[in-house]
Amino acid sequence: MSTLIYLPTIHSLSLPFPS
């Protein structure tokens, strides 16, 4: 679960991820 939140959090800064 943590991985699904951790990864998108960093990617969000670079690319827009639909969380």
PDB file of N, CA and C in Angstrom:
ATOM      1  N   MET A   1       0.840  -1.204   0.000  1.00  0.00           N
ATOM      2  CA  MET A   1       0.000   0.000   0.000  1.00  0.00           C
ATOM      3  C   MET A   1       0.877   1.258   0.000  1.00  0.00           C
ATOM      4  N   SER A   2       1.879   1.209   0.818  1.00  0.00           N
ATOM      5  CA  SER A   2       2.766   2.375   0.931  1.00  0.00           C
ATOM      6  C   SER A   2       3.426   2.693  -0.412  1.00  0.00           C
ATOM      7  N   THR A   3       3.768   1.647  -1.135  1.00  0.00           N
ATOM      8  CA  THR A   3       4.426   1.849  -2.423  1.00  0.00           C
ATOM      9  C   THR A   3       3.522   2.599  -3.402  1.00  0.00           C
ATOM     10  N   LEU A   4       2.250   2.307  -3.352  1.00  0.00           N
ATOM     11  CA  LEU A   4       1.303   2.946  -4.268  1.00  0.00           C
ATOM     12  C   LEU A   4       1.183   4.436  -3.966  1.00  0.00           C
ATOM     13  N   ILE A   5       1.481   4.809  -2.738  1.00  0.00           N
ATOM     14  CA  ILE A   5       1.371   6.214  -2.353  1.00  0.00           C
ATOM     15  C   ILE A   5       2.720   6.912  -2.511  1.00  0.00           C
ATOM     16  N   TYR A   6       3.770   6.190  -2.162  1.00  0.00           N
ATOM     17  CA  TYR A   6       5.116   6.763  -2.198  1.00  0.00           C
ATOM     18  C   TYR A   6       5.547   7.100  -3.623  1.00  0.00           C
ATOM     19  N   LEU A   7       5.354   6.162  -4.535  1.00  0.00           N
ATOM     20  CA  LEU A   7       5.758   6.361  -5.920  1.00  0.00           C
ATOM     21  C   LEU A   7       5.013   7.520  -6.590  1.00  0.00           C
ATOM     22  N   PRO A   8       3.689   7.522  -6.564  1.00  0.00           N
ATOM     23  CA  PRO A   8       2.917   8.586  -7.178  1.00  0.00           C
ATOM     24  C   PRO A   8       3.254   9.956  -6.583  1.00  0.00           C
ATOM     25  N   THR A   9       3.581  10.003  -5.316  1.00  0.00           N
ATOM     26  CA  THR A   9       3.905  11.265  -4.661  1.00  0.00           C
ATOM     27  C   THR A   9       5.112  11.934  -5.314  1.00  0.00           C
ATOM     28  N   ILE A  10       6.132  11.151  -5.600  1.00  0.00           N
ATOM     29  CA  ILE A  10       7.345  11.693  -6.224  1.00  0.00           C
ATOM     30  C   ILE A  10       7.102  11.987  -7.706  1.00  0.00           C
ATOM     31  N   HIS A  11       6.412  11.094  -8.382  1.00  0.00           N
ATOM     32  CA  HIS A  11       6.115  11.259  -9.804  1.00  0.00           C
ATOM     33  C   HIS A  11       5.226  12.470 -10.037  1.00  0.00           C
ATOM     34  N   SER A  12       4.384  12.757  -9.083  1.00  0.00           N
ATOM     35  CA  SER A  12       3.462  13.883  -9.215  1.00  0.00           C
ATOM     36  C   SER A  12       4.232  15.177  -9.406  1.00  0.00           C
ATOM     37  N   LEU A  13       5.394  15.273  -8.795  1.00  0.00           N
ATOM     38  CA  LEU A  13       6.206  16.484  -8.897  1.00  0.00           C
ATOM     39  C   LEU A  13       6.730  16.654 -10.320  1.00  0.00           C
ATOM     40  N   SER A  14       6.978  15.528 -10.988  1.00  0.00           N
ATOM     41  CA  SER A  14       7.521  15.577 -12.335  1.00  0.00           C
ATOM     42  C   SER A  14       6.417  15.424 -13.384  1.00  0.00           C
ATOM     43  N   LEU A  15       5.555  14.438 -13.166  1.00  0.00           N
ATOM     44  CA  LEU A  15       4.474  14.193 -14.110  1.00  0.00           C
ATOM     45  C   LEU A  15       3.140  14.122 -13.383  1.00  0.00           C
ATOM     46  N   PRO A  16       2.099  14.618 -14.034  1.00  0.00           N
ATOM     47  CA  PRO A  16       0.756  14.605 -13.444  1.00  0.00           C
ATOM     48  C   PRO A  16       0.177  13.202 -13.360  1.00  0.00           C
ATOM     49  N   PHE A  17       0.090  12.671 -12.160  1.00  0.00           N
ATOM     50  CA  PHE A  17      -0.465  11.337 -11.964  1.00  0.00           C
ATOM     51  C   PHE A  17      -1.859  11.409 -11.342  1.00  0.00           C
ATOM     52  N   PRO A  18      -2.840  10.770 -11.968  1.00  0.00           N
ATOM     53  CA  PRO A  18      -4.217  10.753 -11.443  1.00  0.00           C
ATOM     54  C   PRO A  18      -4.322   9.932 -10.175  1.00  0.00           C
ATOM     55  N   SER A  19      -4.121  10.544  -9.043  1.00  0.00           N
ATOM     56  CA  SER A  19      -4.189   9.806  -7.780  1.00  0.00           C
ATOM     57  C   SER A  19      -5.630   9.750  -7.302  1.00  0.00           C
TER      58      SER A  19
END
